[in-house]
N, C-alpha and C. Protein backbone atom coordinates (compact mmCIF):
# COMPACT_ATOMS: atom_id res chain seq x y z
N UNK A 1 0.85 -1.17 0.00
CA UNK A 1 0.00 0.00 0.00
C UNK A 1 0.90 1.23 0.00
N UNK A 2 0.65 2.16 -0.92
CA UNK A 2 1.48 3.35 -0.99
C UNK A 2 0.87 4.47 -0.17
N UNK A 3 1.71 5.36 0.26
CA UNK A 3 1.27 6.49 1.06
C UNK A 3 2.46 7.29 1.49
N UNK A 4 2.22 8.20 2.43
CA UNK A 4 3.32 9.01 2.93
C UNK A 4 3.05 9.44 4.35
N UNK A 5 4.11 9.90 5.01
CA UNK A 5 3.98 10.43 6.36
C UNK A 5 3.44 11.84 6.29
N UNK A 6 2.49 12.10 7.15
CA UNK A 6 1.87 13.41 7.23
C UNK A 6 2.10 13.93 8.64
N UNK A 7 2.42 15.20 8.76
CA UNK A 7 2.58 15.83 10.06
C UNK A 7 1.28 16.55 10.42
N UNK A 8 0.77 16.28 11.61
CA UNK A 8 -0.44 16.95 12.08
C UNK A 8 -0.15 17.56 13.44
N UNK A 9 -1.00 18.50 13.84
CA UNK A 9 -0.88 19.12 15.16
C UNK A 9 -2.23 19.04 15.85
N UNK A 10 -2.20 18.50 17.07
CA UNK A 10 -3.40 18.42 17.91
C UNK A 10 -3.09 19.06 19.25
N UNK A 11 -3.85 20.09 19.59
CA UNK A 11 -3.64 20.83 20.83
C UNK A 11 -2.19 21.28 20.99
N UNK A 12 -1.61 21.70 19.88
CA UNK A 12 -0.26 22.23 19.91
C UNK A 12 0.85 21.19 19.87
N UNK A 13 0.50 19.91 19.85
CA UNK A 13 1.51 18.85 19.79
C UNK A 13 1.54 18.25 18.39
N UNK A 14 2.76 18.12 17.88
CA UNK A 14 2.93 17.56 16.53
C UNK A 14 2.97 16.04 16.59
N UNK A 15 2.37 15.43 15.57
CA UNK A 15 2.35 13.97 15.42
C UNK A 15 2.64 13.63 13.97
N UNK A 16 3.29 12.51 13.75
CA UNK A 16 3.54 11.99 12.41
C UNK A 16 2.62 10.79 12.19
N UNK A 17 1.90 10.79 11.08
CA UNK A 17 1.00 9.69 10.75
C UNK A 17 1.28 9.21 9.35
N UNK A 18 1.07 7.93 9.11
CA UNK A 18 1.11 7.39 7.75
C UNK A 18 -0.27 7.61 7.14
N UNK A 19 -0.30 8.10 5.93
CA UNK A 19 -1.56 8.36 5.25
C UNK A 19 -1.54 7.64 3.90
N UNK A 20 -2.53 6.76 3.66
CA UNK A 20 -2.60 6.10 2.35
C UNK A 20 -2.74 7.13 1.23
N UNK A 21 -2.20 6.80 0.09
CA UNK A 21 -2.28 7.69 -1.07
C UNK A 21 -3.73 8.01 -1.40
N UNK A 22 -4.00 9.27 -1.68
CA UNK A 22 -5.34 9.69 -2.05
C UNK A 22 -6.24 10.02 -0.87
N UNK A 23 -5.77 9.78 0.34
CA UNK A 23 -6.59 10.01 1.54
C UNK A 23 -6.18 11.26 2.31
N UNK A 24 -5.26 12.04 1.74
CA UNK A 24 -4.73 13.20 2.46
C UNK A 24 -5.83 14.21 2.82
N UNK A 25 -6.69 14.52 1.88
CA UNK A 25 -7.75 15.51 2.13
C UNK A 25 -8.69 15.03 3.24
N UNK A 26 -9.04 13.75 3.19
CA UNK A 26 -9.92 13.20 4.24
C UNK A 26 -9.23 13.23 5.59
N UNK A 27 -7.94 12.94 5.62
CA UNK A 27 -7.20 13.00 6.87
C UNK A 27 -7.18 14.42 7.42
N UNK A 28 -6.94 15.39 6.56
CA UNK A 28 -6.90 16.78 7.01
C UNK A 28 -8.27 17.24 7.53
N UNK A 29 -9.35 16.83 6.87
CA UNK A 29 -10.69 17.16 7.37
C UNK A 29 -10.92 16.52 8.73
N UNK A 30 -10.48 15.28 8.89
CA UNK A 30 -10.63 14.59 10.17
C UNK A 30 -9.82 15.27 11.26
N UNK A 31 -8.61 15.68 10.92
CA UNK A 31 -7.77 16.38 11.90
C UNK A 31 -8.41 17.70 12.32
N UNK A 32 -8.94 18.44 11.36
CA UNK A 32 -9.62 19.71 11.68
C UNK A 32 -10.80 19.47 12.61
N UNK A 33 -11.60 18.45 12.31
CA UNK A 33 -12.76 18.12 13.15
C UNK A 33 -12.29 17.73 14.55
N UNK A 34 -11.30 16.85 14.61
CA UNK A 34 -10.80 16.40 15.90
C UNK A 34 -10.21 17.55 16.70
N UNK A 35 -9.46 18.41 16.04
CA UNK A 35 -8.87 19.57 16.73
C UNK A 35 -9.95 20.46 17.33
N UNK A 36 -11.02 20.68 16.58
CA UNK A 36 -12.14 21.48 17.10
C UNK A 36 -12.74 20.83 18.34
N UNK A 37 -12.97 19.53 18.25
CA UNK A 37 -13.55 18.81 19.39
C UNK A 37 -12.59 18.81 20.59
N UNK A 38 -11.30 18.65 20.34
CA UNK A 38 -10.32 18.68 21.42
C UNK A 38 -10.27 20.05 22.08
N UNK A 39 -10.34 21.10 21.28
CA UNK A 39 -10.36 22.45 21.83
C UNK A 39 -11.58 22.65 22.73
N UNK A 40 -12.74 22.17 22.28
CA UNK A 40 -13.96 22.28 23.09
C UNK A 40 -13.79 21.56 24.42
N UNK A 41 -13.26 20.35 24.39
CA UNK A 41 -13.05 19.58 25.62
C UNK A 41 -12.02 20.27 26.51
N UNK A 42 -10.98 20.78 25.91
CA UNK A 42 -9.92 21.43 26.66
C UNK A 42 -10.42 22.69 27.35
N UNK A 43 -11.29 23.44 26.66
CA UNK A 43 -11.85 24.66 27.25
C UNK A 43 -12.76 24.34 28.43
N UNK A 44 -13.48 23.25 28.35
CA UNK A 44 -14.39 22.86 29.44
C UNK A 44 -13.63 22.36 30.66
N UNK A 45 -12.48 21.75 30.43
CA UNK A 45 -11.70 21.17 31.53
C UNK A 45 -10.23 21.53 31.33
N UNK A 46 -9.91 22.77 31.54
CA UNK A 46 -8.58 23.27 31.21
C UNK A 46 -7.47 22.67 32.06
N UNK A 47 -7.78 22.06 33.19
CA UNK A 47 -6.74 21.50 34.05
C UNK A 47 -6.38 20.06 33.70
N UNK A 48 -7.06 19.48 32.74
CA UNK A 48 -6.78 18.10 32.37
C UNK A 48 -5.53 18.00 31.53
N UNK A 49 -4.86 16.86 31.64
CA UNK A 49 -3.67 16.61 30.83
C UNK A 49 -4.08 16.36 29.37
N UNK A 50 -3.10 16.46 28.50
CA UNK A 50 -3.29 16.22 27.07
C UNK A 50 -3.93 14.86 26.84
N UNK A 51 -3.41 13.84 27.52
CA UNK A 51 -3.91 12.47 27.35
C UNK A 51 -5.36 12.35 27.82
N UNK A 52 -5.70 13.00 28.92
CA UNK A 52 -7.08 12.94 29.43
C UNK A 52 -8.04 13.64 28.47
N UNK A 53 -7.62 14.77 27.92
CA UNK A 53 -8.46 15.48 26.95
C UNK A 53 -8.69 14.60 25.74
N UNK A 54 -7.62 13.92 25.25
CA UNK A 54 -7.77 13.01 24.12
C UNK A 54 -8.74 11.88 24.45
N UNK A 55 -8.60 11.30 25.64
CA UNK A 55 -9.45 10.18 26.02
C UNK A 55 -10.91 10.62 26.15
N UNK A 56 -11.16 11.72 26.83
CA UNK A 56 -12.53 12.20 27.01
C UNK A 56 -13.17 12.54 25.66
N UNK A 57 -12.41 13.20 24.81
CA UNK A 57 -12.93 13.54 23.48
C UNK A 57 -13.22 12.29 22.67
N UNK A 58 -12.32 11.32 22.72
CA UNK A 58 -12.54 10.07 21.99
C UNK A 58 -13.78 9.35 22.50
N UNK A 59 -13.96 9.32 23.81
CA UNK A 59 -15.15 8.66 24.37
C UNK A 59 -16.42 9.38 23.98
N UNK A 60 -16.41 10.70 24.00
CA UNK A 60 -17.59 11.47 23.58
C UNK A 60 -17.91 11.22 22.12
N UNK A 61 -16.89 11.20 21.28
CA UNK A 61 -17.11 10.97 19.85
C UNK A 61 -17.60 9.54 19.60
N UNK A 62 -17.05 8.57 20.34
CA UNK A 62 -17.51 7.19 20.19
C UNK A 62 -18.98 7.07 20.61
N UNK A 63 -19.34 7.73 21.68
CA UNK A 63 -20.73 7.71 22.15
C UNK A 63 -21.66 8.32 21.10
N UNK A 64 -21.26 9.44 20.52
CA UNK A 64 -22.07 10.07 19.47
C UNK A 64 -22.21 9.15 18.26
N UNK A 65 -21.12 8.49 17.89
CA UNK A 65 -21.16 7.57 16.76
C UNK A 65 -22.12 6.41 17.03
N UNK A 66 -22.03 5.84 18.21
CA UNK A 66 -22.91 4.71 18.55
C UNK A 66 -24.37 5.14 18.58
N UNK A 67 -24.64 6.32 19.12
CA UNK A 67 -26.02 6.83 19.12
C UNK A 67 -26.52 7.05 17.69
N UNK A 68 -25.66 7.57 16.84
CA UNK A 68 -26.05 7.79 15.44
C UNK A 68 -26.33 6.47 14.74
N UNK A 69 -25.54 5.44 15.05
CA UNK A 69 -25.77 4.13 14.44
C UNK A 69 -27.10 3.54 14.88
N UNK A 70 -27.43 3.70 16.16
CA UNK A 70 -28.72 3.21 16.67
C UNK A 70 -29.86 3.97 16.00
N UNK A 71 -29.71 5.28 15.91
CA UNK A 71 -30.73 6.10 15.27
C UNK A 71 -30.92 5.71 13.81
N UNK A 72 -29.82 5.48 13.11
CA UNK A 72 -29.89 5.07 11.70
C UNK A 72 -30.58 3.72 11.58
N UNK A 73 -30.28 2.81 12.49
CA UNK A 73 -30.91 1.48 12.45
C UNK A 73 -32.42 1.61 12.66
N UNK A 74 -32.82 2.51 13.55
CA UNK A 74 -34.26 2.72 13.78
C UNK A 74 -34.93 3.30 12.55
N UNK A 75 -34.29 4.27 11.92
CA UNK A 75 -34.84 4.87 10.70
C UNK A 75 -34.92 3.82 9.60
N UNK A 76 -33.86 3.01 9.45
CA UNK A 76 -33.87 1.95 8.44
C UNK A 76 -35.03 0.98 8.67
N UNK A 77 -35.26 0.61 9.93
CA UNK A 77 -36.34 -0.32 10.25
C UNK A 77 -37.70 0.31 9.92
N UNK A 78 -37.88 1.58 10.28
CA UNK A 78 -39.14 2.26 9.98
C UNK A 78 -39.37 2.36 8.46
N UNK A 79 -38.33 2.68 7.73
CA UNK A 79 -38.45 2.76 6.27
C UNK A 79 -38.80 1.40 5.67
N UNK A 80 -38.16 0.35 6.16
CA UNK A 80 -38.45 -1.00 5.69
C UNK A 80 -39.92 -1.35 5.96
N UNK A 81 -40.42 -1.00 7.14
CA UNK A 81 -41.82 -1.28 7.47
C UNK A 81 -42.76 -0.50 6.55
N UNK A 82 -42.44 0.76 6.31
CA UNK A 82 -43.29 1.58 5.43
C UNK A 82 -43.28 1.05 4.00
N UNK A 83 -42.12 0.65 3.52
CA UNK A 83 -42.01 0.11 2.16
C UNK A 83 -42.80 -1.20 2.06
N UNK A 84 -42.71 -2.03 3.08
CA UNK A 84 -43.47 -3.28 3.08
C UNK A 84 -44.97 -3.00 3.07
N UNK A 85 -45.40 -2.02 3.84
CA UNK A 85 -46.82 -1.66 3.87
C UNK A 85 -47.27 -1.13 2.50
N UNK A 86 -46.43 -0.34 1.86
CA UNK A 86 -46.76 0.16 0.52
C UNK A 86 -46.85 -0.97 -0.49
N UNK A 87 -45.93 -1.94 -0.42
CA UNK A 87 -45.99 -3.09 -1.31
C UNK A 87 -47.30 -3.86 -1.12
N UNK A 88 -47.69 -4.04 0.14
CA UNK A 88 -48.94 -4.75 0.42
C UNK A 88 -50.13 -3.99 -0.16
N UNK A 89 -50.14 -2.66 0.02
CA UNK A 89 -51.23 -1.86 -0.52
C UNK A 89 -51.28 -1.95 -2.04
N UNK A 90 -50.14 -1.89 -2.68
CA UNK A 90 -50.09 -1.98 -4.14
C UNK A 90 -50.58 -3.34 -4.59
N UNK A 91 -50.13 -4.41 -3.92
CA UNK A 91 -50.58 -5.76 -4.27
C UNK A 91 -52.10 -5.88 -4.13
N UNK A 92 -52.65 -5.33 -3.06
CA UNK A 92 -54.10 -5.39 -2.85
C UNK A 92 -54.85 -4.61 -3.94
N UNK A 93 -54.34 -3.43 -4.28
CA UNK A 93 -54.98 -2.63 -5.32
C UNK A 93 -54.92 -3.32 -6.68
N UNK A 94 -53.77 -3.94 -6.98
CA UNK A 94 -53.65 -4.67 -8.24
C UNK A 94 -54.60 -5.86 -8.27
N UNK A 95 -54.73 -6.56 -7.16
CA UNK A 95 -55.65 -7.69 -7.09
C UNK A 95 -57.09 -7.22 -7.29
N UNK A 96 -57.45 -6.12 -6.65
CA UNK A 96 -58.81 -5.58 -6.79
C UNK A 96 -59.06 -5.16 -8.25
N UNK A 97 -58.06 -4.56 -8.88
CA UNK A 97 -58.22 -4.14 -10.26
C UNK A 97 -58.41 -5.34 -11.18
N UNK A 98 -57.63 -6.42 -10.94
CA UNK A 98 -57.77 -7.63 -11.76
C UNK A 98 -59.16 -8.25 -11.58
N UNK A 99 -59.63 -8.23 -10.36
CA UNK A 99 -60.94 -8.82 -10.10
C UNK A 99 -62.04 -8.01 -10.77
N UNK A 100 -61.87 -6.70 -10.85
CA UNK A 100 -62.87 -5.87 -11.51
C UNK A 100 -62.83 -6.06 -13.02
N UNK A 101 -61.67 -6.44 -13.55
CA UNK A 101 -61.52 -6.61 -14.99
C UNK A 101 -62.02 -7.97 -15.48
N UNK A 102 -62.20 -8.93 -14.55
CA UNK A 102 -62.65 -10.26 -14.95
C UNK A 102 -64.07 -10.20 -15.52
N UNK A 103 -64.29 -10.92 -16.61
CA UNK A 103 -65.65 -10.93 -17.17
C UNK A 103 -66.58 -11.73 -16.26
N UNK A 104 -67.80 -11.30 -16.22
CA UNK A 104 -68.81 -11.99 -15.40
C UNK A 104 -69.27 -13.26 -16.00
């Protein structure tokens, strides 16, 4: 797999990461998002160490991700139920139409 080392800064600390080729823009967007979230956590708890801020931010983001996945699963289930109900209605209407078209 080809790629290169990318230098990033989080809360003023530099880090070197390997980035697969073609993923640089996505990595930079992720770093910007993470930096914003880290800044928010750091402002709320300014006495925490760098590692604690990273951990708390990671846990908050993981919690948000899991909640979003549950919410998406609920929406998917509701959509599936609605689509099934629509299919049943269409089948019933088609059956009624066929029955009306039958000669007496």
